Amino acid sequence: MRWKRPGIEKYTTFAPLYDILSAEFPVYRAGRRRGIDLLRLQPGDQVIDLGCGTGLNFALLQSKVSADGLIVGIDRSPAMLRQARRRAERRGWKNVVLIQADATTLSPASIGARVAAAGGRELSDAALATYALSLMPEWERAWTNMRNLTKPAGRLCVADMQRPTGLYALLTPLAVAACRLGGADIEAHPWTAVERDCLGVEAASTRGGHLQVRAGTAPALRRVPGSVESGE
């Protein structure tokens, strides 16, 4: 049976409870923290959080980019973005721009223009996707858009899930069930795109290999089909 992307209605229903039901602190926080560390963000940086959900990455990102930086959260679910907005408002974060868009179909140029209109830059210094790409059957399109929202030689990071390994393989049924509940494809392995397309890739894993993190630097020249640089 072909895996299907979870409907937006699911996140509309569960958005208010997502932070409670997501096993964030016992499991998934570790992967977020490691991925954001590997982005090597600096104060003043602008970073894309693709599939930002309720904004669980925001506090960690704020600690890196400071009030002088900018966080651009993109998500297709209005309900999840409402929770993200409430999080930012509660914490008094004025440097968060939230955009409703489908990561697989968005126009990078249009998103860049909206960010610039909000006081940011069209291209960001870095971008990450945490536990988001595995929700998308066409995640390669989202990855391409993520790259195109980032400046040449910018930093890119993907943190996502696979079956636990080694002694932790005993927990595989629990991991599979958790991914199924959230609508993620545990076999997607989207971090392989970072390994394929980035330079100086750094790898990390945690929670018995269930959480996989990859970060690297985008090439200084973009590959454009038909261009001299690409040779296509």
Foldseek 3Di string as FASTA:
>chain_A
DDADFDDLVVCLVCLVPCVVPQCCVVPQVVLLLVQLVVQQAAAQFEEEAEQCFLPPNPVSVCVHNPLNHAYEYEHQHPSRVVNNVVVCVVVVRPRYHYDHDDLLDDDLQVVLVVQVVVPHGSAGQEYEYEQPLQSDPVSVSSVVSRVSSHAAFHKYKYKHFAQADDPCNVCRVVLVVSCVVVNGDRPPPVRVVCVVFFPPKDWDADPRRGMIMIMHTGHNDDQDPPDPVNVD
